[in-house]
Amino acid sequence: MGWGPDRWRFYRLVGHEAGRVLRGAAVRATSRPSALARLRPTGLVIAPQDLRTSDATIAADIYAGLFVFAGRALATGGRSPFDFAPPSPQWGEELYGFGWLRHLRAAESALSRSNARAFVQDFMAGRGDQALAQRPAVVARRLISLLCQSPLVLEGADHAFYQAFLRLIGRSTRSLDRALRRGVVPRDRLVAAVALAYAGLCCEGFEPVLRRGTRLLHRELTRQILPDGGHRSRDPGFAKDLLLDLLPLRQSFLSRDIAPPEALLNAIDRMLPLLRLLRHGDASLGHHNGMGATAADQLATLLVYDGALAKPLMHAPHTGYARLEGGGGTLVVADIGAAPPSAYSAAAGAGCLSFELSCGPQRLVVNCGMPATGEEMRELARTTAAHSTACLADSSSCRFLALPQPSVIHPLAAWLKRRMGPIVVRGPAEVTVERGSDAAGAAVLAARHDGYAPTLGLLHERRWRLHPDGALLEGHDGFVRDAAGRGGPAEAAIRFHLHPSVRASRVGRGVRLAGAGAPWLFEADEIDPVIEESVFFAALNGARRTEQIVLHLTAADGTRVAWRFRRLPD
C-alpha cells in the first residue's frame, strides 16, 4: 500500500484498532472474572438439526484418508489429519471446524460413529495446529458442529468419552467468552454469539451461557443485519452460512420452550428475501463481495423456509444490490453499493456497478467470484478487473490493505492486517441510484460511484435497461469529472466476464455468445469489442479458464459508451 491520498485513512484505522485493543485491555483489567469461567456442562439435552447436506461419497473419501476442503486435498495414508500441516489456512479452518462430521452421519453405521469419535479424540488429545484451531471463528464453528453432531459422536461412547466431550464443550464456550472480552472483528462476534446461544440451549446447567449468548445475539444481529436483510459485509456467502445456523437456532429455542429473541426472528424474516434477490436461474448466488461457489442444495434448503410462492426483493438499498427481471427468465443482478465499513470488508471486492446476466439456468455475464483458497488468487479476485464493470488506469476502485515495501509504515500495516485481515482502506463512498421503468415497460437502473475520484478525479456512471420480453439488455457507461473538476483522461477497460459454459466468437463488429440456451449477441457503439482470456474462480471444482469481452477506450469528462446484449432466435 502506497502513501498517496490514503495515508491518513490508514492512520485513522490503525488508531481506531489500537484504541479498541486498549479499551478491551482496560475492561479486562477492571472487570470481575466472568461467571462463565466457573461453569461446566453436566449433560446435553438437545441436538440441533444441521441444515447442511451430508454426502455419503464424501464420507467414503474420509474413510479412505482423503480430506478435501476449501479446494485443497490431503491424503493421510491412514494417519490422523491432525498430524499434518494444513495445505492452506482455509483448509485448516474447515478441518478444525468439524463441519465435515455431518458426512459421516450419512453412512449411518457403527463404523462411521467410531471414526467420528476417533477424530474428536485426536483433537481432544491436543494434536494439530492449536493456534489455528483456537481462532474465534473456528472455535465457534467447531462448537456448533459438535453440538449438532453429538448423536453421531456419542452413540455407543463410554462414560469417559462422554465426560471428555462435555469438557471440550465447556472449554470451547469459555474460549469464546474470553475472545469476546478481548475484542474480535464484528463477523466473529456474531458467529461467537450464535455459538454461545447454541451451547446455552443444548447443555444442561448452562443457563448463564444462554443468557449471555442471547444478549450478545440480540445486540450483534441488530448491529450487523441491515433493514433490507443484508449483512454489513455485503457478502452473500456469509449471509447464507449465517442463515444455515440461525434457522436451527430458532427451532432450538422452541424445542426448549423458550421464546426466540425478537432480533433473531426479524433477521431471518429479512434475510431470506435478500437471498432471492441474489439468486440466479441456476440456483446459485451472484458472485459479489466474497461470494464463491454456491452449494445449490444449501440455498434450496434455505428458500424452503421462505415459502414456495415468496417473491424476491428487487432492490436492497441498504446492502446495495438490485435485480432486473424480464421475460424468458432473463435477469440482471447488479452491485450498486458503497464499500462496506472497513471492519466488515476483509472479503469485499472492488466491483461497484458490476453486474451478472443470466437467462433461465444459463449464466452469461459473471464476476470472477472468490476462490476457496490461495491468498494471491483471492487478492486478484477482489480487484475491479475481476468484475464486469469499468476499470480505470488498470487500478481498482477500492484500495486494499497490503504490506508496503519496508518502511516506517510496514510494521503498522502488518499489525493491522493480522488484526483485521486484508480490509478495504478506501472505496466508493457515495453511490447514487435511480430505478424505475420507462414508457415501454422496460426496467431501468442507473447508478454512479466515486471510487476513482480520489486518485483519478473521475466518476463512473452506468445505466441498464432490460426490455419486458427479456430479449434485449441495453447498457450505457459514462465518465464525468468529480466535484473538484480534477478529472483528466485515463485508459479504461469495460469488462464483461463470461461464464465458462459460454463460448464467444466474433460476428462482424459484435460477439456471439453460445451456451446451453439461446445464443446472444453483444454489440457496442463506435468501439470494436475484443475477446480476451479470463478465469472463473468460483467453480465448484476450482478455477476454470474462460473468456471476457473488453471495450478499450480513453475515459475523460463526458465520455459515453453504449452497448447491448440481444437474445437471438434458436
Foldseek 3Di string as FASTA:
>chain_A
DDCAPLVVLLVVLLVVVVVLQVVLVVCVVPDDDDPLVPDFFPFWDDAFAQLDDAALVVVVCVVQQWQAFQLDIDRDRPDQPLQDAQPFLLSVLCLLLLLNLRNLVVVVDPVSLVVVLVNVVCVLVVGHDVVSSLDLLSLLSNLSNCRNCVVSNPVVDDPVSRSSSSVSNSVSLVSLVVDVSSDAQLLSLLSSLLSLCSSCLTTPRNVVSNVVSLVSNLVSLVVAQDQQQAGLLLELVSLLVVLSSLVSSCVSCVVVVHHRDPSSVSNLLRNLLQQLLQAALLQFGAQFQAAFADPSSSSVSSNVVVPPPDHHDQDDPVSAWGKFDAAQRKMKIFGQDKHGPQSSRQRGALAHGFMWIAGRSRTWFGFLHARSGDPVRSVVSRANVSTQFKDWQVGGLWDWQDADDDDPCRVSSVVSCVRRNGTTSDHWDDKDKDWDADPQRWTKIKMKTCSCCSPAQKIKIKMWTAGRNRFKIKMKIAIAGDPVRRHDKTKMKRKGWTDAQWDWDDDPQWIWIDGPDFIKIKHKPPFRWDKAKDWRQRDPNGIDIGIMIITIDIHTHGDMIMMMIGGDDD
